[in-house]
Amino acid sequence: MKRLSLTVKTLIAAALVLSASSCSEKAAETTTPAAVETSEAGNAGEAAPKSNIRYIDADSVISAYTLAQQLFAEQQREVNKVQQWHESKQRELQSLANSISQKQQNNVYLSQASMEADVQNFQKKGEEADRYLNTQQQRLTNSELQIRARLSDSITSAVRAYNATRGYDAILLREAGVYFNPALDVTGEIIAILNSRVQGEKK
């Protein structure tokens, strides 16, 4: 799950930067003053800096987003099923190999052909197991890609809808910078939008 979360963060990083139409002009006029005002606000203990940029913490979004939790749990169940099948098949093949070895040691085989038939059966079952495992691994990979895309689209949509009523020059990922004033954090508001949509879909 952790690996998936990191991958989702990477995918949504570029999509979450929302630039206003006059961003280049505003940047020239306000970048330096905004930085100064934010710094002064932090020193003075003010709660609301004047910067027109906000940020979200992707880890917190993924952890608190109900849909992400559901998708990750479902994916993990599928992974567990494949792992359990693989372990069971490995035990089956090992038992079959042991049986062939014991028959050979106890001179049970009446002919070379009968032993070769058991060996070929063992090899066939092994090859079938490998093909099935490869198919399931590919299915899980495709499912993971679909989860990444779905979460990326969902989070980006929520950020855009949120910014449509705020008009910020940019909403960045926290990982995009070394430091952000905590007062610029809008993670909670984005999570609220995302989870309200999940509740709305259930209704």
N, C-alpha and C. Protein backbone atom coordinates (compact mmCIF):
# COMPACT_ATOMS: atom_id res chain seq x y z
N MET A 1 0.81 -1.21 0.00
CA MET A 1 0.00 0.00 0.00
C MET A 1 0.85 1.25 0.00
N LYS A 2 1.91 1.20 0.79
CA LYS A 2 2.78 2.36 0.85
C LYS A 2 3.37 2.68 -0.51
N ARG A 3 3.78 1.64 -1.24
CA ARG A 3 4.37 1.88 -2.55
C ARG A 3 3.34 2.49 -3.49
N LEU A 4 2.11 2.01 -3.39
CA LEU A 4 1.06 2.55 -4.23
C LEU A 4 0.81 4.01 -3.90
N SER A 5 0.82 4.33 -2.64
CA SER A 5 0.58 5.72 -2.23
C SER A 5 1.63 6.64 -2.80
N LEU A 6 2.90 6.20 -2.77
CA LEU A 6 3.97 7.03 -3.31
C LEU A 6 3.83 7.21 -4.80
N THR A 7 3.39 6.17 -5.48
CA THR A 7 3.23 6.27 -6.92
C THR A 7 2.11 7.22 -7.28
N VAL A 8 1.04 7.17 -6.53
CA VAL A 8 -0.08 8.09 -6.76
C VAL A 8 0.37 9.52 -6.57
N LYS A 9 1.18 9.76 -5.54
CA LYS A 9 1.70 11.11 -5.32
C LYS A 9 2.48 11.59 -6.53
N THR A 10 3.29 10.71 -7.08
CA THR A 10 4.08 11.09 -8.25
C THR A 10 3.18 11.44 -9.43
N LEU A 11 2.12 10.65 -9.61
CA LEU A 11 1.23 10.87 -10.75
C LEU A 11 0.46 12.17 -10.65
N ILE A 12 0.05 12.55 -9.43
CA ILE A 12 -0.78 13.75 -9.30
C ILE A 12 0.05 15.01 -9.12
N ALA A 13 1.36 14.87 -8.96
CA ALA A 13 2.19 16.03 -8.69
C ALA A 13 2.05 17.11 -9.75
N ALA A 14 2.17 16.70 -11.03
CA ALA A 14 2.12 17.68 -12.10
C ALA A 14 0.72 18.23 -12.30
N ALA A 15 -0.29 17.41 -12.05
CA ALA A 15 -1.67 17.81 -12.34
C ALA A 15 -2.23 18.80 -11.35
N LEU A 16 -1.64 18.91 -10.17
CA LEU A 16 -2.23 19.72 -9.12
C LEU A 16 -1.82 21.19 -9.16
N VAL A 17 -0.92 21.56 -10.05
CA VAL A 17 -0.53 22.96 -10.15
C VAL A 17 -1.56 23.70 -10.99
N LEU A 18 -2.31 24.59 -10.36
CA LEU A 18 -3.38 25.31 -11.04
C LEU A 18 -2.98 26.75 -11.22
N SER A 19 -2.71 27.16 -12.46
CA SER A 19 -2.25 28.52 -12.74
C SER A 19 -3.40 29.38 -13.23
N ALA A 20 -3.49 30.59 -12.73
CA ALA A 20 -4.50 31.53 -13.19
C ALA A 20 -4.09 32.09 -14.54
N SER A 21 -5.05 32.66 -15.28
CA SER A 21 -4.75 33.16 -16.62
C SER A 21 -3.75 34.30 -16.60
N SER A 22 -3.74 35.06 -15.51
CA SER A 22 -2.81 36.18 -15.43
C SER A 22 -1.66 35.87 -14.48
N CYS A 23 -1.34 34.58 -14.39
CA CYS A 23 -0.34 34.14 -13.42
C CYS A 23 1.00 34.81 -13.64
N SER A 24 1.44 34.91 -14.88
CA SER A 24 2.76 35.47 -15.15
C SER A 24 2.84 36.92 -14.73
N GLU A 25 1.73 37.67 -14.95
CA GLU A 25 1.73 39.08 -14.55
C GLU A 25 1.71 39.20 -13.04
N LYS A 26 0.87 38.37 -12.39
CA LYS A 26 0.77 38.43 -10.93
C LYS A 26 2.07 38.02 -10.27
N ALA A 27 2.74 37.04 -10.89
CA ALA A 27 3.99 36.56 -10.30
C ALA A 27 5.00 37.69 -10.22
N ALA A 28 5.08 38.50 -11.27
CA ALA A 28 6.04 39.60 -11.30
C ALA A 28 5.69 40.65 -10.26
N GLU A 29 4.37 40.83 -10.01
CA GLU A 29 3.94 41.88 -9.11
C GLU A 29 3.95 41.45 -7.65
N THR A 30 3.63 40.15 -7.40
CA THR A 30 3.36 39.76 -6.02
C THR A 30 4.31 38.73 -5.43
N THR A 31 5.16 38.11 -6.23
CA THR A 31 5.97 37.03 -5.68
C THR A 31 6.82 37.49 -4.51
N THR A 32 7.58 38.56 -4.70
CA THR A 32 8.43 39.04 -3.62
C THR A 32 7.63 39.58 -2.44
N PRO A 33 6.62 40.45 -2.66
CA PRO A 33 5.84 40.92 -1.52
C PRO A 33 5.17 39.79 -0.77
N ALA A 34 4.62 38.78 -1.51
CA ALA A 34 3.93 37.69 -0.84
C ALA A 34 4.88 36.93 0.05
N ALA A 35 6.10 36.72 -0.43
CA ALA A 35 7.08 36.00 0.37
C ALA A 35 7.41 36.78 1.62
N VAL A 36 7.54 38.09 1.49
CA VAL A 36 7.86 38.93 2.65
C VAL A 36 6.71 38.92 3.63
N GLU A 37 5.46 39.08 3.09
CA GLU A 37 4.29 39.15 3.95
C GLU A 37 4.10 37.84 4.70
N THR A 38 4.33 36.71 3.99
CA THR A 38 4.19 35.42 4.64
C THR A 38 5.19 35.26 5.76
N SER A 39 6.42 35.68 5.50
CA SER A 39 7.46 35.58 6.51
C SER A 39 7.12 36.44 7.71
N GLU A 40 6.64 37.66 7.45
CA GLU A 40 6.30 38.56 8.53
C GLU A 40 5.12 38.00 9.33
N ALA A 41 4.15 37.39 8.59
CA ALA A 41 2.99 36.84 9.27
C ALA A 41 3.40 35.71 10.20
N GLY A 42 4.36 34.88 9.72
CA GLY A 42 4.83 33.79 10.55
C GLY A 42 5.52 34.30 11.79
N ASN A 43 6.35 35.36 11.65
CA ASN A 43 7.05 35.91 12.79
C ASN A 43 6.09 36.55 13.77
N ALA A 44 5.02 37.15 13.24
CA ALA A 44 4.09 37.86 14.11
C ALA A 44 3.03 36.93 14.68
N GLY A 45 3.01 35.68 14.21
CA GLY A 45 2.03 34.73 14.72
C GLY A 45 0.67 34.87 14.09
N GLU A 46 0.57 35.56 12.94
CA GLU A 46 -0.72 35.71 12.28
C GLU A 46 -1.14 34.38 11.66
N ALA A 47 -2.44 34.11 11.62
CA ALA A 47 -2.95 32.83 11.16
C ALA A 47 -3.15 32.78 9.66
N ALA A 48 -3.33 33.91 9.00
CA ALA A 48 -3.70 33.90 7.59
C ALA A 48 -2.70 34.70 6.76
N PRO A 49 -1.67 34.07 6.21
CA PRO A 49 -0.71 34.77 5.35
C PRO A 49 -1.39 35.23 4.07
N LYS A 50 -0.81 36.21 3.41
CA LYS A 50 -1.44 36.81 2.24
C LYS A 50 -1.01 36.17 0.92
N SER A 51 -0.20 35.14 0.99
CA SER A 51 0.23 34.46 -0.23
C SER A 51 -0.98 33.90 -0.97
N ASN A 52 -0.94 33.96 -2.29
CA ASN A 52 -2.04 33.43 -3.09
C ASN A 52 -1.73 32.02 -3.59
N ILE A 53 -0.89 31.32 -2.86
CA ILE A 53 -0.54 29.93 -3.17
C ILE A 53 -0.89 29.06 -1.96
N ARG A 54 -1.41 27.87 -2.19
CA ARG A 54 -1.72 26.94 -1.11
C ARG A 54 -1.07 25.59 -1.42
N TYR A 55 -1.12 24.68 -0.47
CA TYR A 55 -0.54 23.36 -0.70
C TYR A 55 -1.38 22.29 -0.02
N ILE A 56 -1.19 21.04 -0.48
CA ILE A 56 -1.81 19.89 0.16
C ILE A 56 -0.75 18.84 0.45
N ASP A 57 -0.99 18.05 1.48
CA ASP A 57 -0.12 16.94 1.84
C ASP A 57 -0.70 15.66 1.24
N ALA A 58 -0.04 15.13 0.22
CA ALA A 58 -0.57 13.97 -0.51
C ALA A 58 -0.69 12.75 0.40
N ASP A 59 0.26 12.56 1.32
CA ASP A 59 0.19 11.41 2.23
C ASP A 59 -1.09 11.46 3.05
N SER A 60 -1.40 12.65 3.56
CA SER A 60 -2.59 12.82 4.38
C SER A 60 -3.86 12.61 3.55
N VAL A 61 -3.84 13.11 2.32
CA VAL A 61 -5.00 12.94 1.45
C VAL A 61 -5.26 11.46 1.19
N ILE A 62 -4.21 10.73 0.81
CA ILE A 62 -4.36 9.31 0.51
C ILE A 62 -4.80 8.53 1.75
N SER A 63 -4.27 8.90 2.91
CA SER A 63 -4.58 8.18 4.15
C SER A 63 -6.02 8.40 4.59
N ALA A 64 -6.53 9.61 4.36
CA ALA A 64 -7.86 9.95 4.87
C ALA A 64 -8.96 9.84 3.83
N TYR A 65 -8.60 9.61 2.58
CA TYR A 65 -9.58 9.55 1.50
C TYR A 65 -10.26 8.19 1.52
N THR A 66 -11.55 8.18 1.77
CA THR A 66 -12.31 6.93 1.91
C THR A 66 -12.19 6.05 0.68
N LEU A 67 -12.30 6.62 -0.50
CA LEU A 67 -12.21 5.83 -1.72
C LEU A 67 -10.85 5.16 -1.84
N ALA A 68 -9.78 5.88 -1.51
CA ALA A 68 -8.43 5.30 -1.57
C ALA A 68 -8.31 4.12 -0.61
N GLN A 69 -8.86 4.27 0.59
CA GLN A 69 -8.82 3.19 1.57
C GLN A 69 -9.54 1.96 1.03
N GLN A 70 -10.70 2.18 0.42
CA GLN A 70 -11.48 1.06 -0.11
C GLN A 70 -10.75 0.36 -1.26
N LEU A 71 -10.18 1.16 -2.15
CA LEU A 71 -9.48 0.58 -3.30
C LEU A 71 -8.24 -0.18 -2.86
N PHE A 72 -7.49 0.39 -1.90
CA PHE A 72 -6.29 -0.28 -1.41
C PHE A 72 -6.65 -1.59 -0.71
N ALA A 73 -7.74 -1.58 0.07
CA ALA A 73 -8.15 -2.79 0.79
C ALA A 73 -8.57 -3.88 -0.20
N GLU A 74 -9.30 -3.49 -1.22
CA GLU A 74 -9.72 -4.45 -2.24
C GLU A 74 -8.52 -5.03 -2.99
N GLN A 75 -7.57 -4.16 -3.33
CA GLN A 75 -6.37 -4.61 -4.03
C GLN A 75 -5.57 -5.58 -3.16
N GLN A 76 -5.47 -5.27 -1.87
CA GLN A 76 -4.71 -6.13 -0.97
C GLN A 76 -5.36 -7.50 -0.84
N ARG A 77 -6.69 -7.54 -0.82
CA ARG A 77 -7.40 -8.82 -0.76
C ARG A 77 -7.08 -9.67 -1.99
N GLU A 78 -7.04 -9.03 -3.15
CA GLU A 78 -6.72 -9.75 -4.38
C GLU A 78 -5.27 -10.26 -4.35
N VAL A 79 -4.37 -9.44 -3.85
CA VAL A 79 -2.97 -9.85 -3.72
C VAL A 79 -2.85 -11.06 -2.79
N ASN A 80 -3.58 -11.01 -1.68
CA ASN A 80 -3.54 -12.12 -0.71
C ASN A 80 -4.06 -13.41 -1.32
N LYS A 81 -5.12 -13.30 -2.14
CA LYS A 81 -5.67 -14.49 -2.80
C LYS A 81 -4.64 -15.14 -3.71
N VAL A 82 -3.95 -14.32 -4.49
CA VAL A 82 -2.94 -14.86 -5.41
C VAL A 82 -1.78 -15.48 -4.63
N GLN A 83 -1.37 -14.82 -3.55
CA GLN A 83 -0.29 -15.36 -2.73
C GLN A 83 -0.67 -16.70 -2.12
N GLN A 84 -1.91 -16.79 -1.63
CA GLN A 84 -2.37 -18.04 -1.03
C GLN A 84 -2.44 -19.16 -2.08
N TRP A 85 -2.93 -18.81 -3.28
CA TRP A 85 -2.97 -19.81 -4.34
C TRP A 85 -1.56 -20.29 -4.69
N HIS A 86 -0.64 -19.35 -4.79
CA HIS A 86 0.75 -19.70 -5.15
C HIS A 86 1.37 -20.61 -4.10
N GLU A 87 1.16 -20.31 -2.84
CA GLU A 87 1.72 -21.14 -1.77
C GLU A 87 1.12 -22.54 -1.80
N SER A 88 -0.21 -22.61 -2.05
CA SER A 88 -0.87 -23.91 -2.13
C SER A 88 -0.34 -24.72 -3.30
N LYS A 89 -0.16 -24.07 -4.44
CA LYS A 89 0.34 -24.76 -5.64
C LYS A 89 1.78 -25.22 -5.43
N GLN A 90 2.57 -24.42 -4.73
CA GLN A 90 3.95 -24.83 -4.46
C GLN A 90 3.99 -26.07 -3.59
N ARG A 91 3.09 -26.13 -2.62
CA ARG A 91 3.03 -27.33 -1.75
C ARG A 91 2.60 -28.55 -2.57
N GLU A 92 1.64 -28.35 -3.46
CA GLU A 92 1.16 -29.45 -4.30
C GLU A 92 2.28 -29.98 -5.19
N LEU A 93 3.02 -29.08 -5.81
CA LEU A 93 4.11 -29.50 -6.69
C LEU A 93 5.23 -30.17 -5.91
N GLN A 94 5.51 -29.67 -4.71
CA GLN A 94 6.55 -30.28 -3.90
C GLN A 94 6.16 -31.69 -3.48
N SER A 95 4.88 -31.86 -3.15
CA SER A 95 4.39 -33.18 -2.78
C SER A 95 4.49 -34.15 -3.96
N LEU A 96 4.18 -33.66 -5.14
CA LEU A 96 4.26 -34.50 -6.34
C LEU A 96 5.71 -34.88 -6.63
N ALA A 97 6.63 -33.94 -6.46
CA ALA A 97 8.05 -34.21 -6.68
C ALA A 97 8.56 -35.24 -5.67
N ASN A 98 8.13 -35.10 -4.42
CA ASN A 98 8.54 -36.06 -3.39
C ASN A 98 8.03 -37.46 -3.71
N SER A 99 6.79 -37.52 -4.24
CA SER A 99 6.20 -38.81 -4.58
C SER A 99 6.99 -39.50 -5.69
N ILE A 100 7.38 -38.73 -6.70
CA ILE A 100 8.18 -39.30 -7.79
C ILE A 100 9.51 -39.81 -7.27
N SER A 101 10.13 -39.03 -6.39
CA SER A 101 11.43 -39.42 -5.84
C SER A 101 11.32 -40.70 -5.01
N GLN A 102 10.27 -40.80 -4.19
CA GLN A 102 10.10 -41.98 -3.36
C GLN A 102 9.81 -43.23 -4.20
N LYS A 103 8.99 -43.05 -5.24
CA LYS A 103 8.72 -44.18 -6.13
C LYS A 103 9.99 -44.68 -6.79
N GLN A 104 10.82 -43.75 -7.18
CA GLN A 104 12.08 -44.12 -7.84
C GLN A 104 13.00 -44.85 -6.87
N GLN A 105 13.09 -44.36 -5.64
CA GLN A 105 13.96 -44.97 -4.64
C GLN A 105 13.47 -46.36 -4.23
N ASN A 106 12.14 -46.53 -4.23
CA ASN A 106 11.56 -47.82 -3.79
C ASN A 106 11.29 -48.77 -4.96
N ASN A 107 11.81 -48.39 -6.14
CA ASN A 107 11.65 -49.23 -7.33
C ASN A 107 10.19 -49.56 -7.64
N VAL A 108 9.33 -48.55 -7.44
CA VAL A 108 7.90 -48.75 -7.71
C VAL A 108 7.63 -48.75 -9.21
N TYR A 109 8.39 -47.95 -9.92
CA TYR A 109 8.17 -47.85 -11.37
C TYR A 109 8.56 -49.16 -12.05
N LEU A 110 7.64 -49.67 -12.84
CA LEU A 110 7.90 -50.93 -13.54
C LEU A 110 8.64 -50.70 -14.85
N SER A 111 8.64 -49.45 -15.32
CA SER A 111 9.34 -49.14 -16.57
C SER A 111 9.79 -47.69 -16.56
N GLN A 112 10.75 -47.39 -17.42
CA GLN A 112 11.23 -46.03 -17.57
C GLN A 112 10.11 -45.12 -18.09
N ALA A 113 9.28 -45.70 -18.91
CA ALA A 113 8.20 -44.90 -19.50
C ALA A 113 7.21 -44.41 -18.45
N SER A 114 6.91 -45.27 -17.47
CA SER A 114 5.96 -44.86 -16.43
C SER A 114 6.53 -43.74 -15.57
N MET A 115 7.84 -43.79 -15.28
CA MET A 115 8.47 -42.72 -14.50
C MET A 115 8.48 -41.42 -15.31
N GLU A 116 8.80 -41.54 -16.59
CA GLU A 116 8.84 -40.35 -17.44
C GLU A 116 7.45 -39.71 -17.56
N ALA A 117 6.42 -40.55 -17.54
CA ALA A 117 5.05 -40.02 -17.60
C ALA A 117 4.75 -39.17 -16.37
N ASP A 118 5.19 -39.63 -15.19
CA ASP A 118 4.98 -38.85 -13.96
C ASP A 118 5.79 -37.55 -13.99
N VAL A 119 7.02 -37.64 -14.50
CA VAL A 119 7.87 -36.45 -14.59
C VAL A 119 7.25 -35.42 -15.53
N GLN A 120 6.75 -35.90 -16.67
CA GLN A 120 6.12 -34.99 -17.63
C GLN A 120 4.86 -34.35 -17.05
N ASN A 121 4.11 -35.13 -16.26
CA ASN A 121 2.92 -34.61 -15.60
C ASN A 121 3.31 -33.51 -14.60
N PHE A 122 4.40 -33.75 -13.87
CA PHE A 122 4.90 -32.77 -12.92
C PHE A 122 5.31 -31.48 -13.64
N GLN A 123 6.03 -31.63 -14.74
CA GLN A 123 6.48 -30.47 -15.49
C GLN A 123 5.30 -29.69 -16.08
N LYS A 124 4.30 -30.42 -16.55
CA LYS A 124 3.12 -29.79 -17.13
C LYS A 124 2.38 -28.96 -16.08
N LYS A 125 2.21 -29.55 -14.89
CA LYS A 125 1.53 -28.82 -13.82
C LYS A 125 2.33 -27.58 -13.41
N GLY A 126 3.65 -27.70 -13.41
CA GLY A 126 4.49 -26.56 -13.08
C GLY A 126 4.36 -25.43 -14.09
N GLU A 127 4.34 -25.81 -15.37
CA GLU A 127 4.21 -24.82 -16.44
C GLU A 127 2.83 -24.14 -16.39
N GLU A 128 1.79 -24.92 -16.11
CA GLU A 128 0.45 -24.36 -15.99
C GLU A 128 0.38 -23.38 -14.82
N ALA A 129 1.02 -23.74 -13.72
CA ALA A 129 1.03 -22.86 -12.55
C ALA A 129 1.75 -21.56 -12.86
N ASP A 130 2.86 -21.66 -13.59
CA ASP A 130 3.62 -20.45 -13.95
C ASP A 130 2.79 -19.53 -14.84
N ARG A 131 2.09 -20.12 -15.81
CA ARG A 131 1.28 -19.31 -16.72
C ARG A 131 0.15 -18.62 -15.96
N TYR A 132 -0.49 -19.36 -15.07
CA TYR A 132 -1.59 -18.78 -14.29
C TYR A 132 -1.08 -17.66 -13.39
N LEU A 133 0.07 -17.90 -12.74
CA LEU A 133 0.63 -16.88 -11.86
C LEU A 133 0.98 -15.61 -12.64
N ASN A 134 1.58 -15.79 -13.81
CA ASN A 134 1.92 -14.63 -14.65
C ASN A 134 0.67 -13.85 -15.04
N THR A 135 -0.40 -14.59 -15.36
CA THR A 135 -1.66 -13.93 -15.73
C THR A 135 -2.22 -13.13 -14.57
N GLN A 136 -2.17 -13.72 -13.37
CA GLN A 136 -2.70 -13.03 -12.19
C GLN A 136 -1.85 -11.82 -11.82
N GLN A 137 -0.54 -11.94 -11.97
CA GLN A 137 0.33 -10.81 -11.68
C GLN A 137 0.07 -9.66 -12.64
N GLN A 138 -0.16 -9.98 -13.90
CA GLN A 138 -0.47 -8.95 -14.88
C GLN A 138 -1.81 -8.29 -14.56
N ARG A 139 -2.77 -9.11 -14.13
CA ARG A 139 -4.08 -8.57 -13.75
C ARG A 139 -3.94 -7.60 -12.57
N LEU A 140 -3.14 -7.96 -11.59
CA LEU A 140 -2.93 -7.10 -10.43
C LEU A 140 -2.22 -5.80 -10.82
N THR A 141 -1.27 -5.93 -11.74
CA THR A 141 -0.57 -4.73 -12.22
C THR A 141 -1.53 -3.79 -12.92
N ASN A 142 -2.39 -4.34 -13.78
CA ASN A 142 -3.37 -3.51 -14.48
C ASN A 142 -4.34 -2.87 -13.50
N SER A 143 -4.73 -3.64 -12.49
CA SER A 143 -5.64 -3.11 -11.47
C SER A 143 -5.00 -1.96 -10.71
N GLU A 144 -3.70 -2.09 -10.42
CA GLU A 144 -2.98 -1.03 -9.71
C GLU A 144 -2.92 0.23 -10.56
N LEU A 145 -2.68 0.06 -11.85
CA LEU A 145 -2.63 1.21 -12.75
C LEU A 145 -3.99 1.92 -12.80
N GLN A 146 -5.06 1.14 -12.79
CA GLN A 146 -6.40 1.72 -12.80
C GLN A 146 -6.68 2.48 -11.50
N ILE A 147 -6.19 1.95 -10.39
CA ILE A 147 -6.36 2.63 -9.11
C ILE A 147 -5.61 3.96 -9.13
N ARG A 148 -4.37 3.94 -9.61
CA ARG A 148 -3.58 5.18 -9.69
C ARG A 148 -4.32 6.24 -10.51
N ALA A 149 -4.80 5.81 -11.69
CA ALA A 149 -5.47 6.76 -12.58
C ALA A 149 -6.75 7.30 -11.94
N ARG A 150 -7.51 6.42 -11.32
CA ARG A 150 -8.77 6.84 -10.71
C ARG A 150 -8.55 7.83 -9.58
N LEU A 151 -7.58 7.54 -8.71
CA LEU A 151 -7.30 8.45 -7.60
C LEU A 151 -6.73 9.77 -8.09
N SER A 152 -5.85 9.69 -9.09
CA SER A 152 -5.28 10.92 -9.65
C SER A 152 -6.36 11.82 -10.22
N ASP A 153 -7.27 11.24 -11.01
CA ASP A 153 -8.36 12.02 -11.60
C ASP A 153 -9.27 12.60 -10.53
N SER A 154 -9.56 11.78 -9.53
CA SER A 154 -10.48 12.21 -8.48
C SER A 154 -9.91 13.36 -7.66
N ILE A 155 -8.64 13.24 -7.28
CA ILE A 155 -8.01 14.28 -6.46
C ILE A 155 -7.84 15.56 -7.27
N THR A 156 -7.40 15.42 -8.51
CA THR A 156 -7.24 16.60 -9.37
C THR A 156 -8.57 17.32 -9.57
N SER A 157 -9.63 16.55 -9.77
CA SER A 157 -10.96 17.14 -9.95
C SER A 157 -11.38 17.90 -8.70
N ALA A 158 -11.13 17.33 -7.53
CA ALA A 158 -11.50 17.99 -6.28
C ALA A 158 -10.72 19.29 -6.09
N VAL A 159 -9.43 19.25 -6.42
CA VAL A 159 -8.61 20.45 -6.28
C VAL A 159 -9.08 21.55 -7.23
N ARG A 160 -9.41 21.17 -8.45
CA ARG A 160 -9.88 22.16 -9.42
C ARG A 160 -11.23 22.76 -8.98
N ALA A 161 -12.11 21.92 -8.48
CA ALA A 161 -13.41 22.41 -8.02
C ALA A 161 -13.22 23.35 -6.83
N TYR A 162 -12.32 22.98 -5.95
CA TYR A 162 -12.04 23.82 -4.78
C TYR A 162 -11.46 25.17 -5.21
N ASN A 163 -10.52 25.13 -6.13
CA ASN A 163 -9.86 26.37 -6.54
C ASN A 163 -10.77 27.27 -7.37
N ALA A 164 -11.80 26.68 -7.99
CA ALA A 164 -12.74 27.48 -8.78
C ALA A 164 -13.46 28.51 -7.92
N THR A 165 -13.57 28.21 -6.62
CA THR A 165 -14.25 29.14 -5.71
C THR A 165 -13.25 29.96 -4.89
N ARG A 166 -11.95 29.70 -5.09
CA ARG A 166 -10.93 30.41 -4.30
C ARG A 166 -10.06 31.31 -5.17
N GLY A 167 -9.74 30.84 -6.38
CA GLY A 167 -8.93 31.64 -7.29
C GLY A 167 -7.47 31.75 -6.91
N TYR A 168 -6.90 30.70 -6.33
CA TYR A 168 -5.48 30.73 -6.00
C TYR A 168 -4.65 30.62 -7.28
N ASP A 169 -3.45 31.18 -7.23
CA ASP A 169 -2.55 31.08 -8.38
C ASP A 169 -2.03 29.66 -8.55
N ALA A 170 -1.86 28.94 -7.46
CA ALA A 170 -1.37 27.56 -7.53
C ALA A 170 -1.72 26.82 -6.25
N ILE A 171 -1.97 25.54 -6.40
CA ILE A 171 -2.10 24.63 -5.25
C ILE A 171 -1.07 23.54 -5.47
N LEU A 172 -0.09 23.49 -4.60
CA LEU A 172 1.06 22.62 -4.78
C LEU A 172 1.02 21.42 -3.83
N LEU A 173 1.82 20.42 -4.15
CA LEU A 173 2.07 19.34 -3.20
C LEU A 173 3.12 19.82 -2.19
N ARG A 174 2.94 19.43 -0.95
CA ARG A 174 3.90 19.81 0.09
C ARG A 174 5.31 19.37 -0.28
N GLU A 175 5.43 18.22 -0.93
CA GLU A 175 6.74 17.70 -1.30
C GLU A 175 7.43 18.54 -2.37
N ALA A 176 6.70 19.48 -2.98
CA ALA A 176 7.29 20.30 -4.03
C ALA A 176 8.23 21.36 -3.47
N GLY A 177 8.17 21.61 -2.16
CA GLY A 177 9.03 22.63 -1.57
C GLY A 177 9.67 22.14 -0.29
N VAL A 178 10.66 22.88 0.18
CA VAL A 178 11.35 22.53 1.42
C VAL A 178 10.53 22.95 2.63
N TYR A 179 9.87 24.10 2.51
CA TYR A 179 9.07 24.58 3.64
C TYR A 179 7.86 25.35 3.13
N PHE A 180 6.71 25.12 3.78
CA PHE A 180 5.50 25.90 3.55
C PHE A 180 4.97 26.34 4.91
N ASN A 181 4.49 27.57 4.98
CA ASN A 181 3.81 28.02 6.19
C ASN A 181 2.59 27.13 6.41
N PRO A 182 2.45 26.51 7.58
CA PRO A 182 1.29 25.63 7.82
C PRO A 182 -0.05 26.29 7.57
N ALA A 183 -0.10 27.64 7.67
CA ALA A 183 -1.36 28.33 7.43
C ALA A 183 -1.80 28.24 5.97
N LEU A 184 -0.89 27.81 5.08
CA LEU A 184 -1.22 27.67 3.66
C LEU A 184 -1.79 26.28 3.34
N ASP A 185 -1.86 25.43 4.34
CA ASP A 185 -2.29 24.05 4.13
C ASP A 185 -3.81 23.97 3.95
N VAL A 186 -4.24 23.42 2.80
CA VAL A 186 -5.68 23.25 2.54
C VAL A 186 -6.03 21.76 2.41
N THR A 187 -5.17 20.92 2.95
CA THR A 187 -5.37 19.47 2.84
C THR A 187 -6.73 19.04 3.38
N GLY A 188 -7.06 19.54 4.55
CA GLY A 188 -8.33 19.14 5.18
C GLY A 188 -9.53 19.48 4.33
N GLU A 189 -9.49 20.63 3.66
CA GLU A 189 -10.61 21.03 2.82
C GLU A 189 -10.74 20.12 1.59
N ILE A 190 -9.60 19.74 1.03
CA ILE A 190 -9.63 18.83 -0.12
C ILE A 190 -10.15 17.46 0.29
N ILE A 191 -9.70 16.97 1.45
CA ILE A 191 -10.18 15.67 1.94
C ILE A 191 -11.69 15.72 2.16
N ALA A 192 -12.18 16.82 2.72
CA ALA A 192 -13.62 16.96 2.96
C ALA A 192 -14.41 16.89 1.65
N ILE A 193 -13.89 17.53 0.61
CA ILE A 193 -14.56 17.49 -0.70
C ILE A 193 -14.58 16.07 -1.24
N LEU A 194 -13.43 15.41 -1.18
CA LEU A 194 -13.32 14.05 -1.71
C LEU A 194 -14.28 13.09 -0.99
N ASN A 195 -14.29 13.14 0.33
CA ASN A 195 -15.13 12.21 1.08
C ASN A 195 -16.62 12.55 0.96
N SER A 196 -16.93 13.82 0.79
CA SER A 196 -18.33 14.20 0.59
C SER A 196 -18.83 13.64 -0.75
N ARG A 197 -17.95 13.58 -1.73
CA ARG A 197 -18.32 13.00 -3.03
C ARG A 197 -18.57 11.51 -2.90
N VAL A 198 -17.75 10.83 -2.10
CA VAL A 198 -17.95 9.40 -1.87
C VAL A 198 -19.30 9.16 -1.21
N GLN A 199 -19.62 9.98 -0.21
CA GLN A 199 -20.90 9.85 0.47
C GLN A 199 -22.05 10.13 -0.48
N GLY A 200 -21.86 11.11 -1.34
CA GLY A 200 -22.90 11.44 -2.31
C GLY A 200 -23.16 10.32 -3.28
N GLU A 201 -22.10 9.61 -3.70
CA GLU A 201 -22.25 8.49 -4.62
C GLU A 201 -22.99 7.33 -3.93
N LYS A 202 -22.73 7.13 -2.63
CA LYS A 202 -23.41 6.06 -1.91
C LYS A 202 -24.91 6.33 -1.83
N LYS A 203 -25.25 7.61 -1.59
CA LYS A 203 -26.67 7.97 -1.48
C LYS A 203 -27.36 7.83 -2.83
